[in-house]
Amino acid sequence: MSRNPLGRMPFRPLSRATVLRAAAVTVITATVTLAAACSNEDTVDTVPPPWPTRTTKPDGPPQPPTSTTTTKTPTSTSTVAGTT
């Protein structure tokens, strides 16, 4: 059995399907590379657009409900003897 100089698998002629597949991969890779090289769109160093400005006021933490009527609560003014 003949072996190649590197001592690996024996030489075998390439099938037509293998050659066509390799040619297709080469053409597709070259096309994509050429399209990227000729593109005027810079995808690496572009500055992202600024954040949009806020149009509404943020809600913030929950607040207790506000009432439209104000009622006065009675307060005690009496003092208990023996306390300061």
Protein backbone atom coordinates (compact mmCIF):
# COMPACT_ATOMS: atom_id res chain seq x y z
CA MET A 1 0.00 0.00 0.00
CA SER A 2 1.44 3.38 -0.96
CA ARG A 3 1.46 6.06 1.68
CA ASN A 4 1.99 9.76 1.38
CA PRO A 5 5.24 11.33 2.63
CA LEU A 6 3.66 12.45 5.91
CA GLY A 7 2.69 8.89 6.84
CA ARG A 8 -1.02 9.56 6.94
CA MET A 9 -3.83 8.17 4.82
CA PRO A 10 -3.00 6.87 1.34
CA PHE A 11 -3.43 9.14 -1.67
CA ARG A 12 -6.78 8.96 -3.37
CA PRO A 13 -8.03 10.97 -6.33
CA LEU A 14 -10.58 13.64 -5.39
CA SER A 15 -14.12 13.05 -6.50
CA ARG A 16 -15.88 15.53 -8.75
CA ALA A 17 -18.33 16.41 -5.95
CA THR A 18 -15.47 17.27 -3.62
CA VAL A 19 -13.83 19.51 -6.21
CA LEU A 20 -17.12 21.29 -6.98
CA ARG A 21 -17.86 21.76 -3.28
CA ALA A 22 -14.40 23.23 -2.66
CA ALA A 23 -14.80 25.55 -5.67
CA ALA A 24 -18.23 26.70 -4.45
CA VAL A 25 -16.91 27.42 -0.96
CA THR A 26 -14.00 29.38 -2.44
CA VAL A 27 -16.28 31.44 -4.71
CA ILE A 28 -18.75 32.22 -1.91
CA THR A 29 -15.97 33.18 0.50
CA ALA A 30 -14.31 35.41 -2.10
CA THR A 31 -17.65 37.07 -2.94
CA VAL A 32 -18.47 37.85 0.68
CA THR A 33 -14.95 39.12 1.35
CA LEU A 34 -15.00 41.33 -1.74
CA ALA A 35 -18.44 42.69 -0.89
CA ALA A 36 -17.32 43.54 2.63
CA ALA A 37 -14.12 45.18 1.38
CA CYS A 38 -15.96 47.29 -1.20
CA SER A 39 -18.75 48.32 1.15
CA ASN A 40 -18.74 51.93 2.26
CA GLU A 41 -20.53 50.90 5.45
CA ASP A 42 -18.06 50.93 8.32
CA THR A 43 -19.26 48.31 10.76
CA VAL A 44 -16.43 48.54 13.28
CA ASP A 45 -15.87 52.20 14.16
CA THR A 46 -19.37 53.61 13.84
CA VAL A 47 -20.78 55.75 16.62
CA PRO A 48 -24.17 54.51 17.80
CA PRO A 49 -27.09 56.93 17.58
CA PRO A 50 -27.80 58.90 20.75
CA TRP A 51 -30.40 57.65 23.20
CA PRO A 52 -33.85 59.05 22.51
CA THR A 53 -34.93 61.90 24.75
CA ARG A 54 -37.49 61.12 27.40
CA THR A 55 -40.94 62.41 26.57
CA THR A 56 -42.70 61.40 29.78
CA LYS A 57 -41.92 61.94 33.43
CA PRO A 58 -40.65 58.80 35.16
CA ASP A 59 -43.05 57.22 37.62
CA GLY A 60 -40.57 56.85 40.47
CA PRO A 61 -41.31 54.94 43.65
CA PRO A 62 -44.93 54.39 44.68
CA GLN A 63 -46.50 57.29 46.54
CA PRO A 64 -49.44 57.23 48.93
CA PRO A 65 -52.69 58.35 47.36
CA THR A 66 -53.35 62.05 47.61
CA SER A 67 -56.75 63.25 48.72
CA THR A 68 -58.39 66.41 47.49
CA THR A 69 -60.17 67.13 50.78
CA THR A 70 -58.24 68.03 53.89
CA THR A 71 -59.66 67.05 57.25
CA LYS A 72 -58.20 68.20 60.50
CA THR A 73 -57.55 65.46 62.98
CA PRO A 74 -58.19 66.32 66.63
CA THR A 75 -55.09 66.58 68.80
CA SER A 76 -54.98 66.10 72.53
CA THR A 77 -53.45 68.85 74.64
CA SER A 78 -53.89 67.25 78.04
CA THR A 79 -50.89 66.31 80.16
CA VAL A 80 -50.58 63.41 82.51
CA ALA A 81 -49.21 64.12 85.98
CA GLY A 82 -45.80 62.63 86.69
CA THR A 83 -44.50 62.73 83.12
CA THR A 84 -42.30 65.30 81.53
